[in-house]
Amino acid sequence: MEIEYTNISYEKYNRLFEEESKKPYCVEYDNGIKDWKVNGKYHREDGPAVEYDDDGDKFWFLNDVEYSFEEWLEKTPISDEEKILLKLKYS
């Protein structure tokens, strides 16, 4: 297997890193925990930002601030139809 290297400046590397960190991403750990983050902060607008696979616990975050499910639903910028579906799924 051959590894290809690309030479880029430190400034370009930082810009690329900043751009990528603004995109939502999920990290799934070997133990089944899933974390959703944006800009390195817990954040998810379509479900829990932290899920524990083993016991089913879920935690609701927007911009690294934890909310109860009901508070999160009120603050999440999604349609009423989507909120109803989430209530059915997670309540």
PDB file of N, CA and C in Angstrom:
ATOM      1  N   MET A   1       0.845  -1.172   0.000  1.00  0.00           N
ATOM      2  CA  MET A   1       0.000   0.000   0.000  1.00  0.00           C
ATOM      3  C   MET A   1       0.891   1.237   0.000  1.00  0.00           C
ATOM      4  N   GLU A   2       0.628   2.129  -0.902  1.00  0.00           N
ATOM      5  CA  GLU A   2       1.409   3.344  -1.011  1.00  0.00           C
ATOM      6  C   GLU A   2       0.649   4.508  -0.390  1.00  0.00           C
ATOM      7  N   ILE A   3       1.333   5.293   0.392  1.00  0.00           N
ATOM      8  CA  ILE A   3       0.727   6.448   1.037  1.00  0.00           C
ATOM      9  C   ILE A   3       1.070   7.689   0.228  1.00  0.00           C
ATOM     10  N   GLU A   4       0.051   8.487  -0.047  1.00  0.00           N
ATOM     11  CA  GLU A   4       0.283   9.741  -0.756  1.00  0.00           C
ATOM     12  C   GLU A   4       0.267  10.891   0.245  1.00  0.00           C
ATOM     13  N   TYR A   5       1.182  11.794   0.078  1.00  0.00           N
ATOM     14  CA  TYR A   5       1.267  12.962   0.943  1.00  0.00           C
ATOM     15  C   TYR A   5       0.983  14.211   0.119  1.00  0.00           C
ATOM     16  N   THR A   6       0.390  15.186   0.771  1.00  0.00           N
ATOM     17  CA  THR A   6       0.125  16.466   0.125  1.00  0.00           C
ATOM     18  C   THR A   6       0.756  17.554   0.968  1.00  0.00           C
ATOM     19  N   ASN A   7       1.489  18.415   0.337  1.00  0.00           N
ATOM     20  CA  ASN A   7       2.072  19.545   1.049  1.00  0.00           C
ATOM     21  C   ASN A   7       1.100  20.712   1.012  1.00  0.00           C
ATOM     22  N   ILE A   8       0.709  21.160   2.192  1.00  0.00           N
ATOM     23  CA  ILE A   8      -0.120  22.364   2.281  1.00  0.00           C
ATOM     24  C   ILE A   8       0.446  23.248   3.380  1.00  0.00           C
ATOM     25  N   SER A   9       0.138  24.504   3.299  1.00  0.00           N
ATOM     26  CA  SER A   9       0.634  25.434   4.318  1.00  0.00           C
ATOM     27  C   SER A   9      -0.133  25.233   5.622  1.00  0.00           C
ATOM     28  N   TYR A  10       0.461  25.697   6.688  1.00  0.00           N
ATOM     29  CA  TYR A  10      -0.173  25.636   7.998  1.00  0.00           C
ATOM     30  C   TYR A  10      -1.488  26.409   7.994  1.00  0.00           C
ATOM     31  N   GLU A  11      -1.505  27.557   7.332  1.00  0.00           N
ATOM     32  CA  GLU A  11      -2.719  28.385   7.257  1.00  0.00           C
ATOM     33  C   GLU A  11      -3.836  27.644   6.527  1.00  0.00           C
ATOM     34  N   LYS A  12      -3.479  26.988   5.409  1.00  0.00           N
ATOM     35  CA  LYS A  12      -4.492  26.237   4.658  1.00  0.00           C
ATOM     36  C   LYS A  12      -5.006  25.066   5.489  1.00  0.00           C
ATOM     37  N   TYR A  13      -4.108  24.387   6.187  1.00  0.00           N
ATOM     38  CA  TYR A  13      -4.522  23.288   7.056  1.00  0.00           C
ATOM     39  C   TYR A  13      -5.520  23.782   8.100  1.00  0.00           C
ATOM     40  N   ASN A  14      -5.225  24.903   8.741  1.00  0.00           N
ATOM     41  CA  ASN A  14      -6.129  25.457   9.755  1.00  0.00           C
ATOM     42  C   ASN A  14      -7.477  25.828   9.160  1.00  0.00           C
ATOM     43  N   ARG A  15      -7.468  26.430   7.957  1.00  0.00           N
ATOM     44  CA  ARG A  15      -8.737  26.779   7.302  1.00  0.00           C
ATOM     45  C   ARG A  15      -9.562  25.534   7.006  1.00  0.00           C
ATOM     46  N   LEU A  16      -8.910  24.491   6.483  1.00  0.00           N
ATOM     47  CA  LEU A  16      -9.621  23.243   6.192  1.00  0.00           C
ATOM     48  C   LEU A  16     -10.184  22.625   7.469  1.00  0.00           C
ATOM     49  N   PHE A  17      -9.385  22.627   8.530  1.00  0.00           N
ATOM     50  CA  PHE A  17      -9.839  22.073   9.799  1.00  0.00           C
ATOM     51  C   PHE A  17     -11.048  22.845  10.325  1.00  0.00           C
ATOM     52  N   GLU A  18     -10.996  24.172  10.261  1.00  0.00           N
ATOM     53  CA  GLU A  18     -12.116  24.998  10.720  1.00  0.00           C
ATOM     54  C   GLU A  18     -13.370  24.734   9.901  1.00  0.00           C
ATOM     55  N   GLU A  19     -13.237  24.624   8.589  1.00  0.00           N
ATOM     56  CA  GLU A  19     -14.389  24.363   7.726  1.00  0.00           C
ATOM     57  C   GLU A  19     -15.008  23.010   8.045  1.00  0.00           C
ATOM     58  N   GLU A  20     -14.167  21.997   8.220  1.00  0.00           N
ATOM     59  CA  GLU A  20     -14.673  20.661   8.504  1.00  0.00           C
ATOM     60  C   GLU A  20     -15.326  20.585   9.880  1.00  0.00           C
ATOM     61  N   SER A  21     -14.787  21.305  10.860  1.00  0.00           N
ATOM     62  CA  SER A  21     -15.335  21.223  12.215  1.00  0.00           C
ATOM     63  C   SER A  21     -16.703  21.881  12.314  1.00  0.00           C
ATOM     64  N   LYS A  22     -17.067  22.714  11.340  1.00  0.00           N
ATOM     65  CA  LYS A  22     -18.385  23.362  11.357  1.00  0.00           C
ATOM     66  C   LYS A  22     -19.478  22.440  10.842  1.00  0.00           C
ATOM     67  N   LYS A  23     -19.091  21.330  10.220  1.00  0.00           N
ATOM     68  CA  LYS A  23     -20.057  20.376   9.706  1.00  0.00           C
ATOM     69  C   LYS A  23     -20.468  19.428  10.835  1.00  0.00           C
ATOM     70  N   PRO A  24     -21.742  19.051  10.866  1.00  0.00           N
ATOM     71  CA  PRO A  24     -22.158  18.070  11.873  1.00  0.00           C
ATOM     72  C   PRO A  24     -21.464  16.737  11.646  1.00  0.00           C
ATOM     73  N   TYR A  25     -21.078  16.085  12.735  1.00  0.00           N
ATOM     74  CA  TYR A  25     -20.484  14.764  12.615  1.00  0.00           C
ATOM     75  C   TYR A  25     -20.864  13.923  13.819  1.00  0.00           C
ATOM     76  N   CYS A  26     -20.835  12.616  13.613  1.00  0.00           N
ATOM     77  CA  CYS A  26     -21.154  11.669  14.681  1.00  0.00           C
ATOM     78  C   CYS A  26     -19.952  10.770  14.895  1.00  0.00           C
ATOM     79  N   VAL A  27     -19.618  10.558  16.149  1.00  0.00           N
ATOM     80  CA  VAL A  27     -18.568   9.616  16.513  1.00  0.00           C
ATOM     81  C   VAL A  27     -19.254   8.448  17.213  1.00  0.00           C
ATOM     82  N   GLU A  28     -19.026   7.252  16.706  1.00  0.00           N
ATOM     83  CA  GLU A  28     -19.587   6.056  17.330  1.00  0.00           C
ATOM     84  C   GLU A  28     -18.442   5.259  17.935  1.00  0.00           C
ATOM     85  N   TYR A  29     -18.496   5.070  19.241  1.00  0.00           N
ATOM     86  CA  TYR A  29     -17.428   4.386  19.966  1.00  0.00           C
ATOM     87  C   TYR A  29     -17.676   2.878  19.996  1.00  0.00           C
ATOM     88  N   ASP A  30     -16.629   2.132  20.284  1.00  0.00           N
ATOM     89  CA  ASP A  30     -16.729   0.670  20.328  1.00  0.00           C
ATOM     90  C   ASP A  30     -17.753   0.191  21.356  1.00  0.00           C
ATOM     91  N   ASN A  31     -17.962   0.967  22.415  1.00  0.00           N
ATOM     92  CA  ASN A  31     -18.902   0.563  23.458  1.00  0.00           C
ATOM     93  C   ASN A  31     -20.347   0.931  23.119  1.00  0.00           C
ATOM     94  N   GLY A  32     -20.583   1.464  21.900  1.00  0.00           N
ATOM     95  CA  GLY A  32     -21.948   1.759  21.460  1.00  0.00           C
ATOM     96  C   GLY A  32     -22.412   3.180  21.711  1.00  0.00           C
ATOM     97  N   ILE A  33     -21.605   3.988  22.379  1.00  0.00           N
ATOM     98  CA  ILE A  33     -21.980   5.383  22.613  1.00  0.00           C
ATOM     99  C   ILE A  33     -21.838   6.155  21.304  1.00  0.00           C
ATOM    100  N   LYS A  34     -22.821   7.010  21.028  1.00  0.00           N
ATOM    101  CA  LYS A  34     -22.778   7.869  19.844  1.00  0.00           C
ATOM    102  C   LYS A  34     -22.865   9.321  20.295  1.00  0.00           C
ATOM    103  N   ASP A  35     -21.958  10.146  19.777  1.00  0.00           N
ATOM    104  CA  ASP A  35     -21.924  11.586  20.070  1.00  0.00           C
ATOM    105  C   ASP A  35     -22.070  12.355  18.761  1.00  0.00           C
ATOM    106  N   TRP A  36     -22.988  13.324  18.727  1.00  0.00           N
ATOM    107  CA  TRP A  36     -23.108  14.220  17.585  1.00  0.00           C
ATOM    108  C   TRP A  36     -22.570  15.576  17.994  1.00  0.00           C
ATOM    109  N   LYS A  37     -21.711  16.143  17.147  1.00  0.00           N
ATOM    110  CA  LYS A  37     -21.106  17.432  17.469  1.00  0.00           C
ATOM    111  C   LYS A  37     -21.059  18.334  16.240  1.00  0.00           C
ATOM    112  N   VAL A  38     -21.016  19.621  16.511  1.00  0.00           N
ATOM    113  CA  VAL A  38     -20.761  20.657  15.513  1.00  0.00           C
ATOM    114  C   VAL A  38     -19.813  21.643  16.185  1.00  0.00           C
ATOM    115  N   ASN A  39     -18.751  22.021  15.505  1.00  0.00           N
ATOM    116  CA  ASN A  39     -17.741  22.914  16.094  1.00  0.00           C
ATOM    117  C   ASN A  39     -17.210  22.370  17.412  1.00  0.00           C
ATOM    118  N   GLY A  40     -17.140  21.064  17.535  1.00  0.00           N
ATOM    119  CA  GLY A  40     -16.624  20.451  18.754  1.00  0.00           C
ATOM    120  C   GLY A  40     -17.579  20.496  19.929  1.00  0.00           C
ATOM    121  N   LYS A  41     -18.815  20.936  19.700  1.00  0.00           N
ATOM    122  CA  LYS A  41     -19.816  21.035  20.768  1.00  0.00           C
ATOM    123  C   LYS A  41     -20.926  20.021  20.511  1.00  0.00           C
ATOM    124  N   TYR A  42     -21.462  19.461  21.603  1.00  0.00           N
ATOM    125  CA  TYR A  42     -22.605  18.569  21.455  1.00  0.00           C
ATOM    126  C   TYR A  42     -23.749  19.358  20.847  1.00  0.00           C
ATOM    127  N   HIS A  43     -24.273  18.830  19.735  1.00  0.00           N
ATOM    128  CA  HIS A  43     -25.346  19.552  19.048  1.00  0.00           C
ATOM    129  C   HIS A  43     -26.019  18.604  18.063  1.00  0.00           C
ATOM    130  N   ARG A  44     -27.339  18.573  18.127  1.00  0.00           N
ATOM    131  CA  ARG A  44     -28.103  17.811  17.138  1.00  0.00           C
ATOM    132  C   ARG A  44     -29.522  18.357  17.100  1.00  0.00           C
ATOM    133  N   GLU A  45     -30.040  18.549  15.893  1.00  0.00           N
ATOM    134  CA  GLU A  45     -31.379  19.110  15.725  1.00  0.00           C
ATOM    135  C   GLU A  45     -32.398  18.080  15.261  1.00  0.00           C
ATOM    136  N   ASP A  46     -31.990  16.840  15.059  1.00  0.00           N
ATOM    137  CA  ASP A  46     -32.945  15.827  14.602  1.00  0.00           C
ATOM    138  C   ASP A  46     -32.950  14.579  15.493  1.00  0.00           C
ATOM    139  N   GLY A  47     -32.457  14.716  16.710  1.00  0.00           N
ATOM    140  CA  GLY A  47     -32.441  13.606  17.648  1.00  0.00           C
ATOM    141  C   GLY A  47     -31.500  13.905  18.795  1.00  0.00           C
ATOM    142  N   PRO A  48     -31.293  12.923  19.664  1.00  0.00           N
ATOM    143  CA  PRO A  48     -30.401  13.139  20.807  1.00  0.00           C
ATOM    144  C   PRO A  48     -28.961  13.301  20.354  1.00  0.00           C
ATOM    145  N   ALA A  49     -28.216  14.153  21.028  1.00  0.00           N
ATOM    146  CA  ALA A  49     -26.813  14.393  20.685  1.00  0.00           C
ATOM    147  C   ALA A  49     -25.893  13.345  21.299  1.00  0.00           C
ATOM    148  N   VAL A  50     -26.377  12.648  22.317  1.00  0.00           N
ATOM    149  CA  VAL A  50     -25.602  11.570  22.937  1.00  0.00           C
ATOM    150  C   VAL A  50     -26.554  10.408  23.165  1.00  0.00           C
ATOM    151  N   GLU A  51     -26.145   9.238  22.705  1.00  0.00           N
ATOM    152  CA  GLU A  51     -26.953   8.029  22.900  1.00  0.00           C
ATOM    153  C   GLU A  51     -26.076   6.925  23.467  1.00  0.00           C
ATOM    154  N   TYR A  52     -26.580   6.265  24.501  1.00  0.00           N
ATOM    155  CA  TYR A  52     -25.902   5.110  25.078  1.00  0.00           C
ATOM    156  C   TYR A  52     -26.623   3.861  24.614  1.00  0.00           C
ATOM    157  N   ASP A  53     -25.915   3.009  23.897  1.00  0.00           N
ATOM    158  CA  ASP A  53     -26.508   1.815  23.313  1.00  0.00           C
ATOM    159  C   ASP A  53     -26.888   0.791  24.377  1.00  0.00           C
ATOM    160  N   ASP A  54     -26.057   0.660  25.420  1.00  0.00           N
ATOM    161  CA  ASP A  54     -26.273  -0.410  26.392  1.00  0.00           C
ATOM    162  C   ASP A  54     -27.532  -0.236  27.226  1.00  0.00           C
ATOM    163  N   ASP A  55     -27.819   0.989  27.660  1.00  0.00           N
ATOM    164  CA  ASP A  55     -29.003   1.189  28.501  1.00  0.00           C
ATOM    165  C   ASP A  55     -30.063   2.083  27.854  1.00  0.00           C
ATOM    166  N   GLY A  56     -29.789   2.591  26.649  1.00  0.00           N
ATOM    167  CA  GLY A  56     -30.773   3.388  25.931  1.00  0.00           C
ATOM    168  C   GLY A  56     -30.887   4.832  26.371  1.00  0.00           C
ATOM    169  N   ASP A  57     -30.020   5.267  27.302  1.00  0.00           N
ATOM    170  CA  ASP A  57     -30.075   6.670  27.737  1.00  0.00           C
ATOM    171  C   ASP A  57     -29.785   7.595  26.568  1.00  0.00           C
ATOM    172  N   LYS A  58     -30.475   8.732  26.553  1.00  0.00           N
ATOM    173  CA  LYS A  58     -30.310   9.731  25.512  1.00  0.00           C
ATOM    174  C   LYS A  58     -30.214  11.105  26.155  1.00  0.00           C
ATOM    175  N   PHE A  59     -29.376  11.957  25.568  1.00  0.00           N
ATOM    176  CA  PHE A  59     -29.177  13.302  26.096  1.00  0.00           C
ATOM    177  C   PHE A  59     -29.324  14.293  24.957  1.00  0.00           C
ATOM    178  N   TRP A  60     -30.008  15.379  25.231  1.00  0.00           N
ATOM    179  CA  TRP A  60     -30.435  16.338  24.217  1.00  0.00           C
ATOM    180  C   TRP A  60     -29.648  17.627  24.355  1.00  0.00           C
ATOM    181  N   PHE A  61     -28.920  18.005  23.316  1.00  0.00           N
ATOM    182  CA  PHE A  61     -28.069  19.192  23.352  1.00  0.00           C
ATOM    183  C   PHE A  61     -28.292  20.064  22.130  1.00  0.00           C
ATOM    184  N   LEU A  62     -28.176  21.358  22.344  1.00  0.00           N
ATOM    185  CA  LEU A  62     -28.057  22.353  21.278  1.00  0.00           C
ATOM    186  C   LEU A  62     -26.906  23.257  21.674  1.00  0.00           C
ATOM    187  N   ASN A  63     -25.913  23.377  20.820  1.00  0.00           N
ATOM    188  CA  ASN A  63     -24.749  24.234  21.080  1.00  0.00           C
ATOM    189  C   ASN A  63     -24.115  23.980  22.440  1.00  0.00           C
ATOM    190  N   ASP A  64     -23.958  22.707  22.794  1.00  0.00           N
ATOM    191  CA  ASP A  64     -23.286  22.275  24.016  1.00  0.00           C
ATOM    192  C   ASP A  64     -24.094  22.535  25.286  1.00  0.00           C
ATOM    193  N   VAL A  65     -25.357  22.902  25.144  1.00  0.00           N
ATOM    194  CA  VAL A  65     -26.225  23.113  26.305  1.00  0.00           C
ATOM    195  C   VAL A  65     -27.207  21.944  26.361  1.00  0.00           C
ATOM    196  N   GLU A  66     -27.244  21.275  27.510  1.00  0.00           N
ATOM    197  CA  GLU A  66     -28.128  20.126  27.660  1.00  0.00           C
ATOM    198  C   GLU A  66     -29.534  20.581  28.049  1.00  0.00           C
ATOM    199  N   TYR A  67     -30.525  19.927  27.454  1.00  0.00           N
ATOM    200  CA  TYR A  67     -31.939  20.213  27.729  1.00  0.00           C
ATOM    201  C   TYR A  67     -32.671  18.910  27.996  1.00  0.00           C
ATOM    202  N   SER A  68     -33.809  19.029  28.652  1.00  0.00           N
ATOM    203  CA  SER A  68     -34.714  17.886  28.711  1.00  0.00           C
ATOM    204  C   SER A  68     -35.277  17.694  27.301  1.00  0.00           C
ATOM    205  N   PHE A  69     -35.865  16.558  27.036  1.00  0.00           N
ATOM    206  CA  PHE A  69     -36.419  16.299  25.717  1.00  0.00           C
ATOM    207  C   PHE A  69     -37.451  17.361  25.338  1.00  0.00           C
ATOM    208  N   GLU A  70     -38.342  17.697  26.257  1.00  0.00           N
ATOM    209  CA  GLU A  70     -39.382  18.685  25.974  1.00  0.00           C
ATOM    210  C   GLU A  70     -38.796  20.076  25.708  1.00  0.00           C
ATOM    211  N   GLU A  71     -37.814  20.480  26.510  1.00  0.00           N
ATOM    212  CA  GLU A  71     -37.154  21.779  26.279  1.00  0.00           C
ATOM    213  C   GLU A  71     -36.460  21.794  24.921  1.00  0.00           C
ATOM    214  N   TRP A  72     -35.773  20.704  24.617  1.00  0.00           N
ATOM    215  CA  TRP A  72     -35.063  20.591  23.350  1.00  0.00           C
ATOM    216  C   TRP A  72     -36.035  20.711  22.171  1.00  0.00           C
ATOM    217  N   LEU A  73     -37.194  20.032  22.290  1.00  0.00           N
ATOM    218  CA  LEU A  73     -38.201  20.113  21.225  1.00  0.00           C
ATOM    219  C   LEU A  73     -38.664  21.552  20.998  1.00  0.00           C
ATOM    220  N   GLU A  74     -38.854  22.297  22.076  1.00  0.00           N
ATOM    221  CA  GLU A  74     -39.298  23.695  21.954  1.00  0.00           C
ATOM    222  C   GLU A  74     -38.255  24.552  21.251  1.00  0.00           C
ATOM    223  N   LYS A  75     -36.976  24.289  21.512  1.00  0.00           N
ATOM    224  CA  LYS A  75     -35.901  25.131  20.993  1.00  0.00           C
ATOM    225  C   LYS A  75     -35.386  24.688  19.623  1.00  0.00           C
ATOM    226  N   THR A  76     -35.681  23.469  19.229  1.00  0.00           N
ATOM    227  CA  THR A  76     -35.157  22.941  17.975  1.00  0.00           C
ATOM    228  C   THR A  76     -35.894  23.546  16.783  1.00  0.00           C
ATOM    229  N   PRO A  77     -35.141  24.059  15.801  1.00  0.00           N
ATOM    230  CA  PRO A  77     -35.765  24.709  14.639  1.00  0.00           C
ATOM    231  C   PRO A  77     -36.220  23.705  13.575  1.00  0.00           C
ATOM    232  N   ILE A  78     -37.205  22.884  13.932  1.00  0.00           N
ATOM    233  CA  ILE A  78     -37.761  21.930  12.972  1.00  0.00           C
ATOM    234  C   ILE A  78     -39.268  22.123  12.905  1.00  0.00           C
ATOM    235  N   SER A  79     -39.873  21.532  11.917  1.00  0.00           N
ATOM    236  CA  SER A  79     -41.315  21.712  11.712  1.00  0.00           C
ATOM    237  C   SER A  79     -42.120  20.999  12.800  1.00  0.00           C
ATOM    238  N   ASP A  80     -43.367  21.403  12.948  1.00  0.00           N
ATOM    239  CA  ASP A  80     -44.249  20.758  13.918  1.00  0.00           C
ATOM    240  C   ASP A  80     -44.446  19.281  13.586  1.00  0.00           C
ATOM    241  N   GLU A  81     -44.513  18.958  12.299  1.00  0.00           N
ATOM    242  CA  GLU A  81     -44.660  17.563  11.886  1.00  0.00           C
ATOM    243  C   GLU A  81     -43.461  16.734  12.334  1.00  0.00           C
ATOM    244  N   GLU A  82     -42.253  17.297  12.169  1.00  0.00           N
ATOM    245  CA  GLU A  82     -41.049  16.592  12.605  1.00  0.00           C
ATOM    246  C   GLU A  82     -41.040  16.421  14.123  1.00  0.00           C
ATOM    247  N   LYS A  83     -41.520  17.427  14.842  1.00  0.00           N
ATOM    248  CA  LYS A  83     -41.577  17.331  16.304  1.00  0.00           C
ATOM    249  C   LYS A  83     -42.531  16.235  16.745  1.00  0.00           C
ATOM    250  N   ILE A  84     -43.655  16.098  16.057  1.00  0.00           N
ATOM    251  CA  ILE A  84     -44.611  15.039  16.381  1.00  0.00           C
ATOM    252  C   ILE A  84     -43.974  13.672  16.158  1.00  0.00           C
ATOM    253  N   LEU A  85     -43.275  13.517  15.036  1.00  0.00           N
ATOM    254  CA  LEU A  85     -42.598  12.246  14.752  1.00  0.00           C
ATOM    255  C   LEU A  85     -41.541  11.927  15.803  1.00  0.00           C
ATOM    256  N   LEU A  86     -40.792  12.948  16.236  1.00  0.00           N
ATOM    257  CA  LEU A  86     -39.776  12.731  17.275  1.00  0.00           C
ATOM    258  C   LEU A  86     -40.424  12.360  18.608  1.00  0.00           C
ATOM    259  N   LYS A  87     -41.565  12.980  18.929  1.00  0.00           N
ATOM    260  CA  LYS A  87     -42.275  12.605  20.164  1.00  0.00           C
ATOM    261  C   LYS A  87     -42.700  11.163  20.117  1.00  0.00           C
ATOM    262  N   LEU A  88     -43.204  10.731  18.972  1.00  0.00           N
ATOM    263  CA  LEU A  88     -43.612   9.331  18.833  1.00  0.00           C
ATOM    264  C   LEU A  88     -42.418   8.388  18.954  1.00  0.00           C
ATOM    265  N   LYS A  89     -41.308   8.793  18.414  1.00  0.00           N
ATOM    266  CA  LYS A  89     -40.119   7.939  18.419  1.00  0.00           C
ATOM    267  C   LYS A  89     -39.445   7.873  19.777  1.00  0.00           C
ATOM    268  N   TYR A  90     -39.347   9.022  20.483  1.00  0.00           N
ATOM    269  CA  TYR A  90     -38.543   9.085  21.708  1.00  0.00           C
ATOM    270  C   TYR A  90     -39.322   9.204  23.005  1.00  0.00           C
ATOM    271  N   SER A  91     -40.607   9.388  22.948  1.00  0.00           N
ATOM    272  CA  SER A  91     -41.374   9.525  24.212  1.00  0.00           C
ATOM    273  C   SER A  91     -41.834   8.190  24.720  1.00  0.00           C
TER     274      SER A  91
END
